[in-house]
C-alpha cells in the first residue's frame, strides 16, 4: 500500500489515473493531456506500473496503458475505517441538530 500512496502523492500521476479510469491510452495521448514533456510522462507511467496501478500492453509499435483498479482495493479497505468513523460522527451531528430543532424556544 505504501507504493500506491507514494504514487498517488503526485498530482500528474493522479491525472493519468483519472484519464485511464475512463479509457486506455497511449503515452502520447497522456502527454497531450498533461503540462509536462513526454519523458516526464514516461517516468510517471513507470512509477504507476511499479506500484501496480497501471498495466501496459504492446499493440504493434504502440504501448497501451490501462488502469488496474484492483490495486486500489487495499487502500479502499484502509480508508473504509475512516469513512465509517466520519459516517458515525456525521450521524451523531445530525441527531443533535434534529434534537435542537425540537427543543422549546
C-alpha atoms as a PDB file:
ATOM      1  CA  UNK A   1       0.000   0.000   0.000  1.00  0.00           C
ATOM      2  CA  UNK A   2       2.946   2.354   0.624  1.00  0.00           C
ATOM      3  CA  UNK A   3       3.947   2.240  -3.059  1.00  0.00           C
ATOM      4  CA  UNK A   4       0.369   3.062  -4.067  1.00  0.00           C
ATOM      5  CA  UNK A   5       0.205   6.018  -1.670  1.00  0.00           C
ATOM      6  CA  UNK A   6       3.577   7.321  -2.868  1.00  0.00           C
ATOM      7  CA  UNK A   7       2.447   7.013  -6.484  1.00  0.00           C
ATOM      8  CA  UNK A   8      -0.807   8.833  -5.713  1.00  0.00           C
ATOM      9  CA  UNK A   9       1.043  11.672  -3.978  1.00  0.00           C
ATOM     10  CA  UNK A  10       1.871  13.321  -7.313  1.00  0.00           C
ATOM     11  CA  UNK A  11      -0.913  15.340  -8.999  1.00  0.00           C
ATOM     12  CA  UNK A  12       0.277  14.430 -12.508  1.00  0.00           C
ATOM     13  CA  UNK A  13       0.054  10.736 -11.691  1.00  0.00           C
ATOM     14  CA  UNK A  14      -3.442  11.225 -10.273  1.00  0.00           C
ATOM     15  CA  UNK A  15      -4.395  12.949 -13.539  1.00  0.00           C
ATOM     16  CA  UNK A  16      -3.030   9.977 -15.504  1.00  0.00           C
ATOM     17  CA  UNK A  17      -5.159   7.625 -13.405  1.00  0.00           C
ATOM     18  CA  UNK A  18      -8.240   9.795 -13.951  1.00  0.00           C
ATOM     19  CA  UNK A  19      -7.720   9.591 -17.707  1.00  0.00           C
ATOM     20  CA  UNK A  20      -7.115   5.850 -17.596  1.00  0.00           C
ATOM     21  CA  UNK A  21     -10.206   5.405 -15.428  1.00  0.00           C
ATOM     22  CA  UNK A  22     -12.259   6.457 -18.455  1.00  0.00           C
ATOM     23  CA  UNK A  23     -10.312   4.638 -21.191  1.00  0.00           C
ATOM     24  CA  UNK A  24      -6.950   3.059 -22.021  1.00  0.00           C
ATOM     25  CA  UNK A  25      -4.461   5.452 -23.612  1.00  0.00           C
ATOM     26  CA  UNK A  26      -1.023   5.644 -25.167  1.00  0.00           C
ATOM     27  CA  UNK A  27       1.822   7.602 -23.598  1.00  0.00           C
ATOM     28  CA  UNK A  28       1.404  10.195 -26.363  1.00  0.00           C
ATOM     29  CA  UNK A  29      -2.278  10.663 -25.567  1.00  0.00           C
ATOM     30  CA  UNK A  30      -1.452  11.040 -21.893  1.00  0.00           C
ATOM     31  CA  UNK A  31       1.345  13.517 -22.653  1.00  0.00           C
ATOM     32  CA  UNK A  32      -1.090  15.635 -24.667  1.00  0.00           C
ATOM     33  CA  UNK A  33      -3.335  15.896 -21.600  1.00  0.00           C
ATOM     34  CA  UNK A  34      -0.567  16.930 -19.188  1.00  0.00           C
ATOM     35  CA  UNK A  35       1.537  20.103 -18.966  1.00  0.00           C
ATOM     36  CA  UNK A  36       4.788  18.119 -18.880  1.00  0.00           C
ATOM     37  CA  UNK A  37       7.145  16.741 -21.519  1.00  0.00           C
ATOM     38  CA  UNK A  38       6.766  13.186 -22.769  1.00  0.00           C
ATOM     39  CA  UNK A  39       9.869  11.886 -20.914  1.00  0.00           C
ATOM     40  CA  UNK A  40       8.243  13.090 -17.681  1.00  0.00           C
ATOM     41  CA  UNK A  41       5.046  11.240 -18.564  1.00  0.00           C
ATOM     42  CA  UNK A  42       7.100   8.097 -19.164  1.00  0.00           C
ATOM     43  CA  UNK A  43       8.674   8.424 -15.724  1.00  0.00           C
ATOM     44  CA  UNK A  44       5.240   8.839 -14.133  1.00  0.00           C
ATOM     45  CA  UNK A  45       3.964   5.786 -16.004  1.00  0.00           C
ATOM     46  CA  UNK A  46       6.928   3.754 -14.750  1.00  0.00           C
ATOM     47  CA  UNK A  47       6.120   4.718 -11.137  1.00  0.00           C
ATOM     48  CA  UNK A  48       2.458   3.808 -11.667  1.00  0.00           C
ATOM     49  CA  UNK A  49       3.417   0.452 -13.231  1.00  0.00           C
ATOM     50  CA  UNK A  50       5.814  -0.348 -10.385  1.00  0.00           C
ATOM     51  CA  UNK A  51       3.062   0.456  -7.849  1.00  0.00           C
ATOM     52  CA  UNK A  52       0.720  -1.904  -9.715  1.00  0.00           C
ATOM     53  CA  UNK A  53      -1.717   0.855 -10.637  1.00  0.00           C
ATOM     54  CA  UNK A  54      -1.443   0.523 -14.420  1.00  0.00           C
ATOM     55  CA  UNK A  55      -0.885  -2.256 -16.941  1.00  0.00           C
ATOM     56  CA  UNK A  56       0.750  -1.856 -20.326  1.00  0.00           C
ATOM     57  CA  UNK A  57       0.275  -3.948 -23.436  1.00  0.00           C
ATOM     58  CA  UNK A  58       2.012  -3.740 -26.773  1.00  0.00           C
ATOM     59  CA  UNK A  59      -0.044  -3.217 -29.945  1.00  0.00           C
ATOM     60  CA  UNK A  60       2.274  -3.063 -32.940  1.00  0.00           C
ATOM     61  CA  UNK A  61       4.515  -0.041 -32.231  1.00  0.00           C
ATOM     62  CA  UNK A  62       2.262   1.415 -29.540  1.00  0.00           C
ATOM     63  CA  UNK A  63       2.078   0.785 -25.817  1.00  0.00           C
ATOM     64  CA  UNK A  64      -1.425   0.990 -24.440  1.00  0.00           C
ATOM     65  CA  UNK A  65      -1.792   1.810 -20.746  1.00  0.00           C
ATOM     66  CA  UNK A  66      -4.842   0.858 -18.681  1.00  0.00           C
ATOM     67  CA  UNK A  67      -5.904   1.239 -15.076  1.00  0.00           C
ATOM     68  CA  UNK A  68      -5.640  -1.704 -12.658  1.00  0.00           C
ATOM     69  CA  UNK A  69      -8.442  -0.830 -10.207  1.00  0.00           C
ATOM     70  CA  UNK A  70      -7.856  -3.998  -8.167  1.00  0.00           C
ATOM     71  CA  UNK A  71      -4.606  -2.459  -6.946  1.00  0.00           C
ATOM     72  CA  UNK A  72      -6.692   0.125  -5.062  1.00  0.00           C
ATOM     73  CA  UNK A  73      -8.625  -2.470  -3.024  1.00  0.00           C
ATOM     74  CA  UNK A  74      -6.223  -2.464  -0.070  1.00  0.00           C
ATOM     75  CA  UNK A  75      -6.253   1.341   0.025  1.00  0.00           C
ATOM     76  CA  UNK A  76     -10.053   1.396  -0.181  1.00  0.00           C
ATOM     77  CA  UNK A  77     -10.318  -1.055   2.723  1.00  0.00           C
ATOM     78  CA  UNK A  78      -7.928   1.054   4.807  1.00  0.00           C
ATOM     79  CA  UNK A  79      -9.902   4.211   4.026  1.00  0.00           C
ATOM     80  CA  UNK A  80     -13.153   2.389   4.813  1.00  0.00           C
ATOM     81  CA  UNK A  81     -12.383   2.578   8.522  1.00  0.00           C
ATOM     82  CA  UNK A  82     -12.101   6.357   8.267  1.00  0.00           C
ATOM     83  CA  UNK A  83     -15.305   6.593   6.221  1.00  0.00           C
ATOM     84  CA  UNK A  84     -17.100   4.670   8.972  1.00  0.00           C
ATOM     85  CA  UNK A  85     -15.660   7.000  11.614  1.00  0.00           C
ATOM     86  CA  UNK A  86     -16.899  10.085   9.767  1.00  0.00           C
ATOM     87  CA  UNK A  87     -20.262   8.498   8.985  1.00  0.00           C
ATOM     88  CA  UNK A  88     -20.790   7.855  12.719  1.00  0.00           C
ATOM     89  CA  UNK A  89     -19.760  11.383  13.622  1.00  0.00           C
ATOM     90  CA  UNK A  90     -21.998  12.930  10.970  1.00  0.00           C
ATOM     91  CA  UNK A  91     -24.915  10.748  12.103  1.00  0.00           C
ATOM     92  CA  UNK A  92     -24.373  11.973  15.673  1.00  0.00           C
ATOM     93  CA  UNK A  93     -24.249  15.570  14.473  1.00  0.00           C
ATOM     94  CA  UNK A  94     -27.467  15.079  12.529  1.00  0.00           C
ATOM     95  CA  UNK A  95     -29.128  13.668  15.679  1.00  0.00           C
ATOM     96  CA  UNK A  96     -28.003  16.661  17.748  1.00  0.00           C
ATOM     97  CA  UNK A  97     -29.240  19.103  15.127  1.00  0.00           C
ATOM     98  CA  UNK A  98     -32.623  17.325  14.996  1.00  0.00           C
ATOM     99  CA  UNK A  99     -32.866  17.488  18.809  1.00  0.00           C
ATOM    100  CA  UNK A 100     -32.094  21.217  18.721  1.00  0.00           C
ATOM    101  CA  UNK A 101     -34.959  21.833  16.293  1.00  0.00           C
ATOM    102  CA  UNK A 102     -37.384  20.056  18.631  1.00  0.00           C
ATOM    103  CA  UNK A 103     -36.271  21.933  21.771  1.00  0.00           C
ATOM    104  CA  UNK A 104     -38.750  24.570  23.056  1.00  0.00           C
ATOM    105  CA  UNK A 105     -37.773  28.154  22.465  1.00  0.00           C
END
